[in-house]
Amino acid sequence: SPHPVRGAATSPGKEVATMEHGSVTDSTASSFSIMEEDHTLANSVRFVLNQDPRVAFCGYSIPHPADNKVNISSDYRYYQTETQQRMF
């Protein structure tokens, strides 16, 4: 199940961002789901992260137009826990 990101809630019990399970086991990749957002934020995050030389890839998807949910995935050139924490 997804893991809530610390400090990312608008009201008790409602997470705005979650770290997806697969990214917990791979130290060179991260996947986040951000609720109540769209292309505006996602494309900005993608652009900024791709400017960082430590990031090998960053992209996003919106699973369905009716859902206000953005999935952001990134891969790092090497193990970068500190970089991941700064980005998100």
PDB file of N, CA and C in Angstrom:
ATOM      1  N   SER A   1       0.841  -1.190   0.000  1.00  0.00           N
ATOM      2  CA  SER A   1       0.000   0.000   0.000  1.00  0.00           C
ATOM      3  C   SER A   1       0.877   1.241   0.000  1.00  0.00           C
ATOM      4  N   PRO A   2       0.394   2.357  -0.501  1.00  0.00           N
ATOM      5  CA  PRO A   2       1.185   3.581  -0.546  1.00  0.00           C
ATOM      6  C   PRO A   2       1.531   4.079   0.849  1.00  0.00           C
ATOM      7  N   HIS A   3       2.629   4.782   0.944  1.00  0.00           N
ATOM      8  CA  HIS A   3       3.067   5.361   2.205  1.00  0.00           C
ATOM      9  C   HIS A   3       2.833   6.861   2.161  1.00  0.00           C
ATOM     10  N   PRO A   4       2.132   7.438   3.166  1.00  0.00           N
ATOM     11  CA  PRO A   4       1.917   8.885   3.151  1.00  0.00           C
ATOM     12  C   PRO A   4       3.237   9.633   3.297  1.00  0.00           C
ATOM     13  N   VAL A   5       3.338  10.757   2.652  1.00  0.00           N
ATOM     14  CA  VAL A   5       4.517  11.608   2.752  1.00  0.00           C
ATOM     15  C   VAL A   5       4.315  12.526   3.943  1.00  0.00           C
ATOM     16  N   ARG A   6       5.314  12.644   4.812  1.00  0.00           N
ATOM     17  CA  ARG A   6       5.186  13.481   6.003  1.00  0.00           C
ATOM     18  C   ARG A   6       4.847  14.917   5.645  1.00  0.00           C
ATOM     19  N   GLY A   7       3.927  15.480   6.412  1.00  0.00           N
ATOM     20  CA  GLY A   7       3.575  16.881   6.226  1.00  0.00           C
ATOM     21  C   GLY A   7       2.755  17.158   4.992  1.00  0.00           C
ATOM     22  N   ALA A   8       2.221  16.138   4.373  1.00  0.00           N
ATOM     23  CA  ALA A   8       1.471  16.339   3.137  1.00  0.00           C
ATOM     24  C   ALA A   8       0.006  15.978   3.330  1.00  0.00           C
ATOM     25  N   ALA A   9      -0.677  16.748   4.164  1.00  0.00           N
ATOM     26  CA  ALA A   9      -2.102  16.508   4.371  1.00  0.00           C
ATOM     27  C   ALA A   9      -2.825  17.835   4.526  1.00  0.00           C
ATOM     28  N   THR A  10      -4.008  17.923   3.962  1.00  0.00           N
ATOM     29  CA  THR A  10      -4.793  19.143   4.091  1.00  0.00           C
ATOM     30  C   THR A  10      -5.721  19.078   5.285  1.00  0.00           C
ATOM     31  N   SER A  11      -6.141  17.895   5.663  1.00  0.00           N
ATOM     32  CA  SER A  11      -6.982  17.701   6.831  1.00  0.00           C
ATOM     33  C   SER A  11      -6.650  16.341   7.430  1.00  0.00           C
ATOM     34  N   PRO A  12      -6.969  16.134   8.703  1.00  0.00           N
ATOM     35  CA  PRO A  12      -6.637  14.850   9.337  1.00  0.00           C
ATOM     36  C   PRO A  12      -7.207  13.668   8.554  1.00  0.00           C
ATOM     37  N   GLY A  13      -6.345  12.693   8.292  1.00  0.00           N
ATOM     38  CA  GLY A  13      -6.769  11.489   7.599  1.00  0.00           C
ATOM     39  C   GLY A  13      -6.818  11.586   6.086  1.00  0.00           C
ATOM     40  N   LYS A  14      -6.542  12.752   5.514  1.00  0.00           N
ATOM     41  CA  LYS A  14      -6.589  12.910   4.057  1.00  0.00           C
ATOM     42  C   LYS A  14      -5.201  13.287   3.548  1.00  0.00           C
ATOM     43  N   GLU A  15      -4.520  12.335   2.885  1.00  0.00           N
ATOM     44  CA  GLU A  15      -3.190  12.604   2.350  1.00  0.00           C
ATOM     45  C   GLU A  15      -3.286  13.300   1.002  1.00  0.00           C
ATOM     46  N   VAL A  16      -2.376  14.230   0.777  1.00  0.00           N
ATOM     47  CA  VAL A  16      -2.287  14.919  -0.503  1.00  0.00           C
ATOM     48  C   VAL A  16      -1.282  14.207  -1.393  1.00  0.00           C
ATOM     49  N   ALA A  17      -0.233  13.657  -0.782  1.00  0.00           N
ATOM     50  CA  ALA A  17       0.808  12.974  -1.551  1.00  0.00           C
ATOM     51  C   ALA A  17       1.142  11.650  -0.887  1.00  0.00           C
ATOM     52  N   THR A  18       1.407  10.636  -1.704  1.00  0.00           N
ATOM     53  CA  THR A  18       1.827   9.343  -1.186  1.00  0.00           C
ATOM     54  C   THR A  18       3.004   8.840  -2.000  1.00  0.00           C
ATOM     55  N   MET A  19       3.911   8.123  -1.324  1.00  0.00           N
ATOM     56  CA  MET A  19       5.035   7.485  -1.997  1.00  0.00           C
ATOM     57  C   MET A  19       4.598   6.066  -2.325  1.00  0.00           C
ATOM     58  N   GLU A  20       4.670   5.694  -3.575  1.00  0.00           N
ATOM     59  CA  GLU A  20       4.197   4.379  -3.997  1.00  0.00           C
ATOM     60  C   GLU A  20       5.124   3.282  -3.488  1.00  0.00           C
ATOM     61  N   HIS A  21       4.579   2.113  -3.243  1.00  0.00           N
ATOM     62  CA  HIS A  21       5.297   0.998  -2.615  1.00  0.00           C
ATOM     63  C   HIS A  21       6.556   0.587  -3.374  1.00  0.00           C
ATOM     64  N   GLY A  22       6.511   0.495  -4.678  1.00  0.00           N
ATOM     65  CA  GLY A  22       7.661   0.044  -5.452  1.00  0.00           C
ATOM     66  C   GLY A  22       8.886   0.910  -5.272  1.00  0.00           C
ATOM     67  N   SER A  23       8.697   2.189  -5.002  1.00  0.00           N
ATOM     68  CA  SER A  23       9.832   3.085  -4.872  1.00  0.00           C
ATOM     69  C   SER A  23      10.505   2.974  -3.512  1.00  0.00           C
ATOM     70  N   VAL A  24       9.876   2.329  -2.549  1.00  0.00           N
ATOM     71  CA  VAL A  24      10.467   2.174  -1.226  1.00  0.00           C
ATOM     72  C   VAL A  24      11.630   1.193  -1.275  1.00  0.00           C
ATOM     73  N   THR A  25      11.549   0.187  -2.138  1.00  0.00           N
ATOM     74  CA  THR A  25      12.576  -0.846  -2.202  1.00  0.00           C
ATOM     75  C   THR A  25      13.716  -0.511  -3.155  1.00  0.00           C
ATOM     76  N   ASP A  26      13.546   0.439  -4.044  1.00  0.00           N
ATOM     77  CA  ASP A  26      14.575   0.812  -5.016  1.00  0.00           C
ATOM     78  C   ASP A  26      15.114   2.188  -4.659  1.00  0.00           C
ATOM     79  N   SER A  27      16.378   2.241  -4.254  1.00  0.00           N
ATOM     80  CA  SER A  27      16.961   3.503  -3.795  1.00  0.00           C
ATOM     81  C   SER A  27      17.307   4.459  -4.929  1.00  0.00           C
ATOM     82  N   THR A  28      17.180   4.027  -6.175  1.00  0.00           N
ATOM     83  CA  THR A  28      17.491   4.921  -7.294  1.00  0.00           C
ATOM     84  C   THR A  28      16.244   5.388  -8.024  1.00  0.00           C
ATOM     85  N   ALA A  29      15.072   5.116  -7.469  1.00  0.00           N
ATOM     86  CA  ALA A  29      13.825   5.518  -8.131  1.00  0.00           C
ATOM     87  C   ALA A  29      12.794   5.954  -7.099  1.00  0.00           C
ATOM     88  N   SER A  30      11.938   6.860  -7.499  1.00  0.00           N
ATOM     89  CA  SER A  30      10.839   7.311  -6.650  1.00  0.00           C
ATOM     90  C   SER A  30       9.586   7.453  -7.485  1.00  0.00           C
ATOM     91  N   SER A  31       8.469   7.100  -6.888  1.00  0.00           N
ATOM     92  CA  SER A  31       7.165   7.311  -7.512  1.00  0.00           C
ATOM     93  C   SER A  31       6.238   7.909  -6.470  1.00  0.00           C
ATOM     94  N   PHE A  32       5.617   9.012  -6.826  1.00  0.00           N
ATOM     95  CA  PHE A  32       4.708   9.698  -5.927  1.00  0.00           C
ATOM     96  C   PHE A  32       3.377   9.905  -6.608  1.00  0.00           C
ATOM     97  N   SER A  33       2.322   9.848  -5.831  1.00  0.00           N
ATOM     98  CA  SER A  33       0.992  10.223  -6.300  1.00  0.00           C
ATOM     99  C   SER A  33       0.602  11.485  -5.552  1.00  0.00           C
ATOM    100  N   ILE A  34       0.184  12.490  -6.281  1.00  0.00           N
ATOM    101  CA  ILE A  34      -0.234  13.752  -5.679  1.00  0.00           C
ATOM    102  C   ILE A  34      -1.705  13.962  -6.019  1.00  0.00           C
ATOM    103  N   MET A  35      -2.509  14.109  -4.994  1.00  0.00           N
ATOM    104  CA  MET A  35      -3.946  14.264  -5.170  1.00  0.00           C
ATOM    105  C   MET A  35      -4.298  15.729  -5.417  1.00  0.00           C
ATOM    106  N   GLU A  36      -5.419  15.939  -6.090  1.00  0.00           N
ATOM    107  CA  GLU A  36      -5.976  17.271  -6.341  1.00  0.00           C
ATOM    108  C   GLU A  36      -5.031  18.169  -7.147  1.00  0.00           C
ATOM    109  N   GLU A  37      -4.262  17.585  -8.054  1.00  0.00           N
ATOM    110  CA  GLU A  37      -3.371  18.357  -8.927  1.00  0.00           C
ATOM    111  C   GLU A  37      -3.556  17.899 -10.366  1.00  0.00           C
ATOM    112  N   ASP A  38      -2.994  18.688 -11.287  1.00  0.00           N
ATOM    113  CA  ASP A  38      -3.147  18.378 -12.704  1.00  0.00           C
ATOM    114  C   ASP A  38      -1.846  18.655 -13.444  1.00  0.00           C
ATOM    115  N   HIS A  39      -1.930  18.849 -14.763  1.00  0.00           N
ATOM    116  CA  HIS A  39      -0.747  19.063 -15.601  1.00  0.00           C
ATOM    117  C   HIS A  39       0.071  20.285 -15.177  1.00  0.00           C
ATOM    118  N   THR A  40      -0.563  21.289 -14.619  1.00  0.00           N
ATOM    119  CA  THR A  40       0.147  22.523 -14.264  1.00  0.00           C
ATOM    120  C   THR A  40       1.287  22.238 -13.300  1.00  0.00           C
ATOM    121  N   LEU A  41       1.001  21.600 -12.187  1.00  0.00           N
ATOM    122  CA  LEU A  41       2.048  21.275 -11.216  1.00  0.00           C
ATOM    123  C   LEU A  41       2.954  20.167 -11.745  1.00  0.00           C
ATOM    124  N   ALA A  42       2.371  19.126 -12.313  1.00  0.00           N
ATOM    125  CA  ALA A  42       3.152  17.970 -12.749  1.00  0.00           C
ATOM    126  C   ALA A  42       4.201  18.335 -13.793  1.00  0.00           C
ATOM    127  N   ASN A  43       3.843  19.136 -14.767  1.00  0.00           N
ATOM    128  CA  ASN A  43       4.798  19.510 -15.803  1.00  0.00           C
ATOM    129  C   ASN A  43       5.897  20.402 -15.231  1.00  0.00           C
ATOM    130  N   SER A  44       5.560  21.258 -14.284  1.00  0.00           N
ATOM    131  CA  SER A  44       6.569  22.110 -13.642  1.00  0.00           C
ATOM    132  C   SER A  44       7.561  21.271 -12.848  1.00  0.00           C
ATOM    133  N   VAL A  45       7.060  20.311 -12.078  1.00  0.00           N
ATOM    134  CA  VAL A  45       7.935  19.423 -11.303  1.00  0.00           C
ATOM    135  C   VAL A  45       8.820  18.614 -12.241  1.00  0.00           C
ATOM    136  N   ARG A  46       8.245  18.063 -13.296  1.00  0.00           N
ATOM    137  CA  ARG A  46       9.010  17.282 -14.273  1.00  0.00           C
ATOM    138  C   ARG A  46      10.130  18.117 -14.877  1.00  0.00           C
ATOM    139  N   PHE A  47       9.813  19.341 -15.285  1.00  0.00           N
ATOM    140  CA  PHE A  47      10.805  20.212 -15.906  1.00  0.00           C
ATOM    141  C   PHE A  47      11.957  20.517 -14.948  1.00  0.00           C
ATOM    142  N   VAL A  48      11.632  20.902 -13.723  1.00  0.00           N
ATOM    143  CA  VAL A  48      12.666  21.266 -12.748  1.00  0.00           C
ATOM    144  C   VAL A  48      13.540  20.066 -12.407  1.00  0.00           C
ATOM    145  N   LEU A  49      12.938  18.912 -12.175  1.00  0.00           N
ATOM    146  CA  LEU A  49      13.735  17.735 -11.823  1.00  0.00           C
ATOM    147  C   LEU A  49      14.637  17.293 -12.966  1.00  0.00           C
ATOM    148  N   ASN A  50      14.172  17.394 -14.196  1.00  0.00           N
ATOM    149  CA  ASN A  50      15.008  17.007 -15.335  1.00  0.00           C
ATOM    150  C   ASN A  50      16.178  17.956 -15.557  1.00  0.00           C
ATOM    151  N   GLN A  51      16.177  19.123 -14.938  1.00  0.00           N
ATOM    152  CA  GLN A  51      17.307  20.045 -15.029  1.00  0.00           C
ATOM    153  C   GLN A  51      18.457  19.625 -14.119  1.00  0.00           C
ATOM    154  N   ASP A  52      18.173  18.799 -13.124  1.00  0.00           N
ATOM    155  CA  ASP A  52      19.179  18.354 -12.160  1.00  0.00           C
ATOM    156  C   ASP A  52      20.015  17.231 -12.783  1.00  0.00           C
ATOM    157  N   PRO A  53      21.346  17.362 -12.830  1.00  0.00           N
ATOM    158  CA  PRO A  53      22.184  16.331 -13.454  1.00  0.00           C
ATOM    159  C   PRO A  53      22.153  14.994 -12.717  1.00  0.00           C
ATOM    160  N   ARG A  54      21.709  14.970 -11.467  1.00  0.00           N
ATOM    161  CA  ARG A  54      21.616  13.712 -10.721  1.00  0.00           C
ATOM    162  C   ARG A  54      20.382  12.903 -11.107  1.00  0.00           C
ATOM    163  N   VAL A  55      19.460  13.518 -11.818  1.00  0.00           N
ATOM    164  CA  VAL A  55      18.219  12.851 -12.219  1.00  0.00           C
ATOM    165  C   VAL A  55      18.383  12.303 -13.631  1.00  0.00           C
ATOM    166  N   ALA A  56      18.212  10.997 -13.786  1.00  0.00           N
ATOM    167  CA  ALA A  56      18.321  10.365 -15.105  1.00  0.00           C
ATOM    168  C   ALA A  56      17.024  10.518 -15.885  1.00  0.00           C
ATOM    169  N   PHE A  57      15.902  10.477 -15.190  1.00  0.00           N
ATOM    170  CA  PHE A  57      14.598  10.560 -15.848  1.00  0.00           C
ATOM    171  C   PHE A  57      13.558  11.039 -14.848  1.00  0.00           C
ATOM    172  N   CYS A  58      12.637  11.857 -15.311  1.00  0.00           N
ATOM    173  CA  CYS A  58      11.470  12.228 -14.521  1.00  0.00           C
ATOM    174  C   CYS A  58      10.309  12.432 -15.478  1.00  0.00           C
ATOM    175  N   GLY A  59       9.200  11.814 -15.176  1.00  0.00           N
ATOM    176  CA  GLY A  59       8.007  11.952 -16.000  1.00  0.00           C
ATOM    177  C   GLY A  59       6.770  11.869 -15.134  1.00  0.00           C
ATOM    178  N   TYR A  60       5.639  12.167 -15.734  1.00  0.00           N
ATOM    179  CA  TYR A  60       4.398  12.082 -14.975  1.00  0.00           C
ATOM    180  C   TYR A  60       3.286  11.534 -15.845  1.00  0.00           C
ATOM    181  N   SER A  61       2.246  11.073 -15.180  1.00  0.00           N
ATOM    182  CA  SER A  61       1.045  10.614 -15.878  1.00  0.00           C
ATOM    183  C   SER A  61      -0.169  10.974 -15.038  1.00  0.00           C
ATOM    184  N   ILE A  62      -1.276  11.125 -15.732  1.00  0.00           N
ATOM    185  CA  ILE A  62      -2.563  11.328 -15.079  1.00  0.00           C
ATOM    186  C   ILE A  62      -3.402  10.120 -15.482  1.00  0.00           C
ATOM    187  N   PRO A  63      -3.724   9.244 -14.515  1.00  0.00           N
ATOM    188  CA  PRO A  63      -4.383   7.983 -14.849  1.00  0.00           C
ATOM    189  C   PRO A  63      -5.693   8.133 -15.621  1.00  0.00           C
ATOM    190  N   HIS A  64      -6.491   9.122 -15.274  1.00  0.00           N
ATOM    191  CA  HIS A  64      -7.778   9.323 -15.939  1.00  0.00           C
ATOM    192  C   HIS A  64      -8.155  10.797 -15.820  1.00  0.00           C
ATOM    193  N   PRO A  65      -8.677  11.401 -16.876  1.00  0.00           N
ATOM    194  CA  PRO A  65      -9.020  12.832 -16.830  1.00  0.00           C
ATOM    195  C   PRO A  65     -10.015  13.203 -15.731  1.00  0.00           C
ATOM    196  N   ALA A  66     -10.848  12.262 -15.321  1.00  0.00           N
ATOM    197  CA  ALA A  66     -11.828  12.550 -14.272  1.00  0.00           C
ATOM    198  C   ALA A  66     -11.214  12.515 -12.872  1.00  0.00           C
ATOM    199  N   ASP A  67     -10.024  11.943 -12.744  1.00  0.00           N
ATOM    200  CA  ASP A  67      -9.346  11.878 -11.446  1.00  0.00           C
ATOM    201  C   ASP A  67      -8.390  13.051 -11.304  1.00  0.00           C
ATOM    202  N   ASN A  68      -8.441  13.722 -10.173  1.00  0.00           N
ATOM    203  CA  ASN A  68      -7.479  14.790  -9.896  1.00  0.00           C
ATOM    204  C   ASN A  68      -6.282  14.182  -9.183  1.00  0.00           C
ATOM    205  N   LYS A  69      -5.554  13.350  -9.905  1.00  0.00           N
ATOM    206  CA  LYS A  69      -4.406  12.639  -9.352  1.00  0.00           C
ATOM    207  C   LYS A  69      -3.288  12.648 -10.377  1.00  0.00           C
ATOM    208  N   VAL A  70      -2.089  12.929  -9.913  1.00  0.00           N
ATOM    209  CA  VAL A  70      -0.906  12.951 -10.764  1.00  0.00           C
ATOM    210  C   VAL A  70       0.088  11.931 -10.216  1.00  0.00           C
ATOM    211  N   ASN A  71       0.647  11.104 -11.075  1.00  0.00           N
ATOM    212  CA  ASN A  71       1.711  10.177 -10.699  1.00  0.00           C
ATOM    213  C   ASN A  71       3.019  10.716 -11.261  1.00  0.00           C
ATOM    214  N   ILE A  72       3.993  10.935 -10.397  1.00  0.00           N
ATOM    215  CA  ILE A  72       5.302  11.432 -10.819  1.00  0.00           C
ATOM    216  C   ILE A  72       6.335  10.357 -10.519  1.00  0.00           C
ATOM    217  N   SER A  73       7.119   9.991 -11.520  1.00  0.00           N
ATOM    218  CA  SER A  73       8.162   8.977 -11.359  1.00  0.00           C
ATOM    219  C   SER A  73       9.505   9.572 -11.740  1.00  0.00           C
ATOM    220  N   SER A  74      10.536   9.198 -10.986  1.00  0.00           N
ATOM    221  CA  SER A  74      11.876   9.686 -11.309  1.00  0.00           C
ATOM    222  C   SER A  74      12.899   8.600 -11.024  1.00  0.00           C
ATOM    223  N   ASP A  75      13.955   8.598 -11.810  1.00  0.00           N
ATOM    224  CA  ASP A  75      15.087   7.695 -11.637  1.00  0.00           C
ATOM    225  C   ASP A  75      16.335   8.543 -11.470  1.00  0.00           C
ATOM    226  N   TYR A  76      17.219   8.081 -10.596  1.00  0.00           N
ATOM    227  CA  TYR A  76      18.443   8.812 -10.297  1.00  0.00           C
ATOM    228  C   TYR A  76      19.641   8.072 -10.861  1.00  0.00           C
ATOM    229  N   ARG A  77      20.678   8.808 -11.152  1.00  0.00           N
ATOM    230  CA  ARG A  77      21.883   8.211 -11.730  1.00  0.00           C
ATOM    231  C   ARG A  77      22.616   7.327 -10.720  1.00  0.00           C
ATOM    232  N   TYR A  78      22.429   7.572  -9.437  1.00  0.00           N
ATOM    233  CA  TYR A  78      23.026   6.780  -8.370  1.00  0.00           C
ATOM    234  C   TYR A  78      22.186   6.985  -7.124  1.00  0.00           C
ATOM    235  N   TYR A  79      22.503   6.253  -6.078  1.00  0.00           N
ATOM    236  CA  TYR A  79      21.744   6.304  -4.829  1.00  0.00           C
ATOM    237  C   TYR A  79      21.717   7.728  -4.287  1.00  0.00           C
ATOM    238  N   GLN A  80      20.529   8.278  -4.118  1.00  0.00           N
ATOM    239  CA  GLN A  80      20.411   9.671  -3.688  1.00  0.00           C
ATOM    240  C   GLN A  80      19.231   9.877  -2.749  1.00  0.00           C
ATOM    241  N   THR A  81      19.292   9.363  -1.538  1.00  0.00           N
ATOM    242  CA  THR A  81      18.199   9.568  -0.589  1.00  0.00           C
ATOM    243  C   THR A  81      18.023  11.045  -0.292  1.00  0.00           C
ATOM    244  N   GLU A  82      19.119  11.769  -0.094  1.00  0.00           N
ATOM    245  CA  GLU A  82      19.031  13.197   0.207  1.00  0.00           C
ATOM    246  C   GLU A  82      18.406  13.962  -0.959  1.00  0.00           C
ATOM    247  N   THR A  83      18.763  13.621  -2.180  1.00  0.00           N
ATOM    248  CA  THR A  83      18.183  14.278  -3.356  1.00  0.00           C
ATOM    249  C   THR A  83      16.687  14.022  -3.421  1.00  0.00           C
ATOM    250  N   GLN A  84      16.270  12.795  -3.170  1.00  0.00           N
ATOM    251  CA  GLN A  84      14.847  12.466  -3.191  1.00  0.00           C
ATOM    252  C   GLN A  84      14.085  13.279  -2.161  1.00  0.00           C
ATOM    253  N   GLN A  85      14.628  13.413  -0.974  1.00  0.00           N
ATOM    254  CA  GLN A  85      13.947  14.162   0.082  1.00  0.00           C
ATOM    255  C   GLN A  85      13.841  15.631  -0.274  1.00  0.00           C
ATOM    256  N   ARG A  86      14.856  16.205  -0.879  1.00  0.00           N
ATOM    257  CA  ARG A  86      14.809  17.614  -1.268  1.00  0.00           C
ATOM    258  C   ARG A  86      13.785  17.864  -2.364  1.00  0.00           C
ATOM    259  N   MET A  87      13.658  16.910  -3.288  1.00  0.00           N
ATOM    260  CA  MET A  87      12.760  17.088  -4.421  1.00  0.00           C
ATOM    261  C   MET A  87      11.308  17.064  -4.007  1.00  0.00           C
ATOM    262  N   PHE A  88      10.990  16.211  -3.056  1.00  0.00           N
ATOM    263  CA  PHE A  88       9.595  16.049  -2.682  1.00  0.00           C
ATOM    264  C   PHE A  88       9.417  16.415  -1.252  1.00  0.00           C
TER     265      PHE A  88
END
